Amino acid sequence: MLKTNRMKLLFPFLFILLVFVSCNQNSDNYSMSDEAGIEQEMIPHTKQMLMAEPTAMNQNSNTDVNKKRIIKDGRIGIRVVDLEKTKQGVDLLLKNLDGYYSNERFNNYDHESLYNLTVRIPATSFEQFITELEKGNGEILYKEIDARDVTDQFIDLETRLQNKKNYLKRYNDLLNQAKNVKEILEIEEKVRVLEEEIDSTTGRLKYLSDLVNYSTLDLTISKLKDFKYNPETRDKYSERLKLSLSKGWFGFVDFSLFVIKIWPFWLIIAVILYFLKKFRARKKNKSL
């Protein structure tokens, strides 16, 4: 009976223990399954983001590297029959191609008339402009076209500019954390130097970009003139006689003034001649 009573007392306790253990196992299984589900949902999204960023960076990098920066310029000389008509045609062609003159000069000599033109034209229209010039009725006297690859310079300048901007940002952050006047002054000096270097590099990039985007062509358009005899015009005889007399008088005045101006030399010569004459006289007396 005693054993039976003990079993009755233990049975509720064992039942409660089994229920508690089963609940803990269910809760653990639920937590593990939830975490696994969340992980399965997050992993694809995270992988997609990580894969997308390097791809975009590589595409931008390849685009910058593969984009060639070419500076095209040259010089052409053309001899034409109708100079003004040809100049008007060049003006119209340049306007249609969105170009302009950075310098325009006209010279009218005895044997020829010519325009010296410095043309700035979009690089994409440079070849078309030259082709249209060659199609004209003029004679090509000379032609020289150059192309320079400055891609390496662009990449170097852009890299330096980005590095300087990064340094500038870091110095500005340090400036906000400076604790005394000495640190502030030192950091501000670094910031000033970096800002000057950034401005200089930016200006260089703009200058190179302008040369790349707009090609330069030195264009000379000339026209030969017919030979004309132009005798030298002379004054009348009376006018020339007056001029000769006045020049002779002025020459005499200049000479007399020059003789007076060197009077010390005349004095020295006189003294030398005096002693020389006296020396000869003494020598002559001794010989007698």
Protein backbone atom coordinates (compact mmCIF):
# COMPACT_ATOMS: atom_id res chain seq x y z
CA MET A 1 0.00 0.00 0.00
CA LEU A 2 2.84 2.30 0.79
CA LYS A 3 4.46 1.72 -2.62
CA THR A 4 1.11 2.29 -4.29
CA ASN A 5 0.70 5.61 -2.55
CA ARG A 6 4.22 6.68 -3.53
CA MET A 7 3.56 5.88 -7.20
CA LYS A 8 0.38 7.92 -7.05
CA LEU A 9 2.35 10.88 -5.70
CA LEU A 10 5.12 10.55 -8.32
CA PHE A 11 2.79 10.20 -11.29
CA PRO A 12 1.55 13.84 -11.34
CA PHE A 13 5.11 15.07 -10.96
CA LEU A 14 6.37 12.93 -13.89
CA PHE A 15 3.45 14.05 -16.02
CA ILE A 16 4.21 17.73 -15.43
CA LEU A 17 7.91 17.12 -16.19
CA LEU A 18 7.11 15.40 -19.51
CA VAL A 19 4.78 18.23 -20.55
CA PHE A 20 7.43 20.85 -19.74
CA VAL A 21 10.14 19.03 -21.73
CA SER A 22 7.88 18.60 -24.77
CA CYS A 23 6.99 22.29 -24.75
CA ASN A 24 10.64 23.30 -24.69
CA GLN A 25 11.40 21.02 -27.62
CA ASN A 26 8.53 22.49 -29.65
CA SER A 27 9.64 26.03 -28.92
CA ASP A 28 13.24 25.23 -29.93
CA ASN A 29 12.08 23.62 -33.15
CA TYR A 30 9.92 26.65 -33.91
CA SER A 31 12.79 29.08 -33.30
CA MET A 32 15.19 27.14 -35.47
CA SER A 33 12.68 26.85 -38.26
CA ASP A 34 11.90 30.58 -38.10
CA GLU A 35 15.58 31.50 -38.23
CA ALA A 36 16.16 29.16 -41.12
CA GLY A 37 13.23 30.68 -42.99
CA ILE A 38 14.42 34.23 -42.41
CA GLU A 39 17.94 33.24 -43.45
CA GLN A 40 16.61 31.63 -46.62
CA GLU A 41 14.72 34.85 -47.39
CA MET A 42 17.68 37.17 -46.67
CA ILE A 43 20.50 35.27 -48.37
CA PRO A 44 19.27 35.67 -51.96
CA HIS A 45 18.61 39.40 -51.48
CA THR A 46 22.00 39.97 -49.84
CA LYS A 47 23.81 38.04 -52.56
CA GLN A 48 22.00 40.03 -55.22
CA MET A 49 23.11 43.34 -53.67
CA LEU A 50 26.70 42.18 -53.24
CA MET A 51 26.85 40.95 -56.81
CA ALA A 52 25.22 44.08 -58.23
CA GLU A 53 27.61 46.62 -56.70
CA PRO A 54 30.86 45.20 -58.08
CA THR A 55 29.27 44.75 -61.49
CA ALA A 56 28.23 48.40 -61.65
CA MET A 57 31.65 49.57 -60.50
CA ASN A 58 33.40 47.41 -63.07
CA GLN A 59 31.17 48.74 -65.83
CA ASN A 60 31.91 52.35 -64.90
CA SER A 61 35.62 51.62 -64.64
CA ASN A 62 35.73 49.90 -68.01
CA THR A 63 33.77 52.75 -69.58
CA ASP A 64 36.23 55.37 -68.30
CA VAL A 65 39.27 53.35 -69.34
CA ASN A 66 37.97 52.42 -72.78
CA LYS A 67 36.80 55.95 -73.62
CA LYS A 68 39.57 57.47 -75.69
CA ARG A 69 40.36 61.16 -75.40
CA ILE A 70 41.88 62.35 -78.67
CA ILE A 71 43.02 65.91 -79.41
CA LYS A 72 42.82 66.65 -83.14
CA ASP A 73 44.32 69.75 -84.72
CA GLY A 74 46.03 70.75 -87.93
CA ARG A 75 46.78 73.37 -90.57
CA ILE A 76 45.59 73.78 -94.16
CA GLY A 77 46.47 76.32 -96.83
CA ILE A 78 44.18 76.89 -99.83
CA ARG A 79 44.68 79.18 -102.82
CA VAL A 80 41.46 80.35 -104.48
CA VAL A 81 40.29 82.58 -107.30
CA ASP A 82 37.47 84.39 -105.48
CA LEU A 83 38.66 85.12 -101.96
CA GLU A 84 35.53 86.79 -100.57
CA LYS A 85 33.17 84.16 -101.93
CA THR A 86 35.28 81.37 -100.45
CA LYS A 87 35.37 83.16 -97.09
CA GLN A 88 31.59 83.44 -97.08
CA GLY A 89 31.32 79.72 -97.82
CA VAL A 90 33.62 78.89 -94.90
CA ASP A 91 31.55 81.14 -92.63
CA LEU A 92 28.35 79.32 -93.57
CA LEU A 93 29.92 75.88 -93.24
CA LEU A 94 31.33 76.74 -89.83
CA LYS A 95 27.96 78.04 -88.64
CA ASN A 96 26.19 74.85 -89.76
CA LEU A 97 28.70 72.71 -87.86
CA ASP A 98 28.49 74.79 -84.65
CA GLY A 99 32.06 76.03 -84.95
CA TYR A 100 33.58 79.47 -84.47
CA TYR A 101 36.68 81.56 -85.17
CA SER A 102 39.01 82.03 -82.22
CA ASN A 103 41.15 84.35 -84.38
CA GLU A 104 40.56 86.02 -87.75
CA ARG A 105 43.13 88.14 -89.57
CA PHE A 106 43.16 89.67 -93.09
CA ASN A 107 46.31 90.81 -94.89
CA ASN A 108 46.44 92.67 -98.19
CA TYR A 109 49.90 92.55 -99.77
CA ASP A 110 51.10 93.72 -103.19
CA HIS A 111 51.24 90.20 -104.60
CA GLU A 112 48.40 88.49 -102.71
CA SER A 113 45.45 88.87 -100.32
CA LEU A 114 44.82 86.28 -97.63
CA TYR A 115 42.80 85.34 -94.55
CA ASN A 116 44.53 83.69 -91.60
CA LEU A 117 41.79 81.90 -89.64
CA THR A 118 41.97 79.88 -86.43
CA VAL A 119 38.93 77.60 -86.49
CA ARG A 120 37.46 75.83 -83.43
CA ILE A 121 35.03 73.10 -84.40
CA PRO A 122 33.41 70.17 -82.55
CA ALA A 123 35.66 67.12 -82.79
CA THR A 124 32.78 65.06 -84.16
CA SER A 125 32.54 67.44 -87.15
CA PHE A 126 36.27 67.93 -87.72
CA GLU A 127 36.63 65.37 -90.51
CA GLN A 128 33.47 66.61 -92.22
CA PHE A 129 34.75 70.20 -92.16
CA ILE A 130 38.05 69.21 -93.78
CA THR A 131 36.25 67.12 -96.40
CA GLU A 132 34.03 70.05 -97.36
CA LEU A 133 37.08 72.31 -97.67
CA GLU A 134 38.78 69.84 -99.98
CA LYS A 135 35.69 69.64 -102.17
CA GLY A 136 36.00 73.31 -103.08
CA ASN A 137 37.58 74.76 -106.21
CA GLY A 138 40.70 75.97 -104.40
CA GLU A 139 44.18 74.52 -104.66
CA ILE A 140 45.47 72.79 -101.54
CA LEU A 141 48.91 74.24 -100.86
CA TYR A 142 49.61 72.22 -97.70
CA LYS A 143 47.76 70.02 -95.25
CA GLU A 144 48.89 68.74 -91.86
CA ILE A 145 46.59 66.93 -89.39
CA ASP A 146 47.70 65.68 -85.96
CA ALA A 147 45.93 63.45 -83.41
CA ARG A 148 47.16 63.06 -79.84
CA ASP A 149 45.90 60.48 -77.37
CA VAL A 150 45.59 62.08 -73.92
CA THR A 151 43.57 59.30 -72.27
CA ASP A 152 46.37 58.54 -69.80
CA GLN A 153 46.54 62.19 -68.76
CA PHE A 154 42.79 62.24 -68.15
CA ILE A 155 42.86 59.09 -66.03
CA ASP A 156 45.84 60.37 -64.02
CA LEU A 157 44.26 63.78 -63.40
CA GLU A 158 40.86 62.34 -62.51
CA THR A 159 42.46 59.88 -60.07
CA ARG A 160 44.50 62.63 -58.44
CA LEU A 161 41.46 64.87 -58.22
CA GLN A 162 39.37 62.20 -56.52
CA ASN A 163 42.17 61.41 -54.04
CA LYS A 164 42.57 65.08 -53.17
CA LYS A 165 38.82 65.42 -52.61
CA ASN A 166 38.91 62.41 -50.29
CA TYR A 167 41.80 63.90 -48.33
CA LEU A 168 39.98 67.22 -48.17
CA LYS A 169 36.91 65.54 -46.68
CA ARG A 170 39.03 63.80 -44.05
CA TYR A 171 40.79 67.06 -43.13
CA ASN A 172 37.43 68.81 -42.79
CA ASP A 173 36.29 66.02 -40.45
CA LEU A 174 39.48 66.46 -38.41
CA LEU A 175 38.90 70.20 -38.34
CA ASN A 176 35.57 69.65 -36.62
CA GLN A 177 37.37 67.54 -34.00
CA ALA A 178 40.26 69.95 -33.36
CA LYS A 179 40.73 70.81 -29.68
CA ASN A 180 43.01 73.85 -29.76
CA VAL A 181 44.02 76.78 -31.95
CA LYS A 182 47.30 75.17 -33.07
CA GLU A 183 45.54 72.12 -34.45
CA ILE A 184 42.95 74.31 -36.19
CA LEU A 185 45.63 76.42 -37.91
CA GLU A 186 47.62 73.38 -39.04
CA ILE A 187 44.57 71.67 -40.48
CA GLU A 188 43.34 74.86 -42.17
CA GLU A 189 46.72 75.23 -43.89
CA LYS A 190 46.42 71.65 -45.19
CA VAL A 191 42.88 72.38 -46.37
CA ARG A 192 44.02 75.56 -48.17
CA VAL A 193 46.80 73.72 -50.03
CA LEU A 194 44.44 70.92 -51.03
CA GLU A 195 41.80 73.36 -52.28
CA GLU A 196 44.41 75.12 -54.44
CA GLU A 197 45.58 71.79 -55.87
CA ILE A 198 41.97 70.75 -56.55
CA ASP A 199 41.30 74.02 -58.38
CA SER A 200 44.48 73.61 -60.43
CA THR A 201 43.70 70.00 -61.36
CA THR A 202 40.09 70.88 -62.19
CA GLY A 203 41.28 73.71 -64.46
CA ARG A 204 43.69 71.37 -66.23
CA LEU A 205 40.91 68.84 -66.80
CA LYS A 206 38.63 71.55 -68.21
CA TYR A 207 41.39 72.75 -70.53
CA LEU A 208 42.05 69.23 -71.84
CA SER A 209 38.32 68.60 -72.20
CA ASP A 210 37.98 71.73 -74.32
CA LEU A 211 40.83 70.59 -76.58
CA VAL A 212 39.25 67.16 -76.91
CA ASN A 213 35.71 68.39 -77.54
CA TYR A 214 36.73 71.17 -79.95
CA SER A 215 39.42 70.61 -82.57
CA THR A 216 41.63 73.47 -83.77
CA LEU A 217 42.49 74.13 -87.41
CA ASP A 218 44.75 76.92 -88.71
CA LEU A 219 43.20 77.75 -92.08
CA THR A 220 44.85 80.08 -94.61
CA ILE A 221 42.87 81.20 -97.67
CA SER A 222 44.88 83.21 -100.20
CA LYS A 223 44.45 84.78 -103.62
CA LEU A 224 47.25 85.89 -105.95
CA LYS A 225 47.02 89.35 -107.43
CA ASP A 226 47.81 90.40 -111.01
CA PHE A 227 51.16 92.15 -111.39
CA LYS A 228 50.92 95.94 -111.43
CA TYR A 229 53.79 98.36 -111.91
CA ASN A 230 53.65 101.03 -109.27
CA PRO A 231 56.41 103.58 -109.94
CA GLU A 232 57.79 105.38 -106.97
CA THR A 233 56.37 108.86 -106.66
CA ARG A 234 58.92 111.65 -106.32
CA ASP A 235 58.69 115.26 -105.26
CA LYS A 236 59.26 118.17 -107.62
CA TYR A 237 62.79 119.40 -108.40
CA SER A 238 62.30 122.59 -106.40
CA GLU A 239 61.18 120.62 -103.35
CA ARG A 240 64.12 118.26 -103.63
CA LEU A 241 66.52 121.23 -104.03
CA LYS A 242 65.16 122.83 -100.87
CA LEU A 243 65.54 119.52 -99.04
CA SER A 244 69.17 119.14 -100.25
CA LEU A 245 70.12 122.68 -99.17
CA SER A 246 68.53 122.22 -95.76
CA LYS A 247 70.24 118.86 -95.27
CA GLY A 248 73.63 120.42 -96.30
CA TRP A 249 73.22 123.24 -93.82
CA PHE A 250 72.19 120.88 -91.05
CA GLY A 251 75.18 118.70 -91.89
CA PHE A 252 77.56 121.69 -91.64
CA VAL A 253 76.07 122.74 -88.31
CA ASP A 254 76.37 119.21 -86.94
CA PHE A 255 80.02 118.96 -88.07
CA SER A 256 80.98 122.32 -86.55
CA LEU A 257 79.32 121.41 -83.28
CA PHE A 258 81.19 118.10 -83.29
CA VAL A 259 84.53 119.92 -83.82
CA ILE A 260 83.78 122.23 -80.92
CA LYS A 261 82.67 119.36 -78.72
CA ILE A 262 86.11 117.67 -78.95
CA TRP A 263 88.11 120.81 -77.99
CA PRO A 264 90.09 118.98 -75.24
CA PHE A 265 91.62 116.76 -77.91
CA TRP A 266 92.65 119.81 -79.95
CA LEU A 267 94.34 121.25 -76.86
CA ILE A 268 96.29 118.06 -76.26
CA ILE A 269 97.38 117.93 -79.93
CA ALA A 270 98.58 121.55 -79.75
CA VAL A 271 100.69 120.85 -76.64
CA ILE A 272 102.23 117.79 -78.29
CA LEU A 273 103.08 119.74 -81.46
CA TYR A 274 104.66 122.56 -79.38
CA PHE A 275 107.01 120.25 -77.49
CA LEU A 276 107.80 118.32 -80.63
CA LYS A 277 108.79 121.51 -82.48
CA LYS A 278 110.88 122.69 -79.52
CA PHE A 279 112.66 119.34 -79.32
CA ARG A 280 113.58 119.47 -83.03
CA ALA A 281 114.89 123.03 -82.71
CA ARG A 282 117.14 122.08 -79.77
CA LYS A 283 118.44 119.07 -81.64
CA LYS A 284 119.22 121.25 -84.68
CA ASN A 285 121.17 123.78 -82.53
CA LYS A 286 123.32 121.00 -81.03
CA SER A 287 124.21 119.68 -84.44
CA LEU A 288 125.55 123.10 -85.47
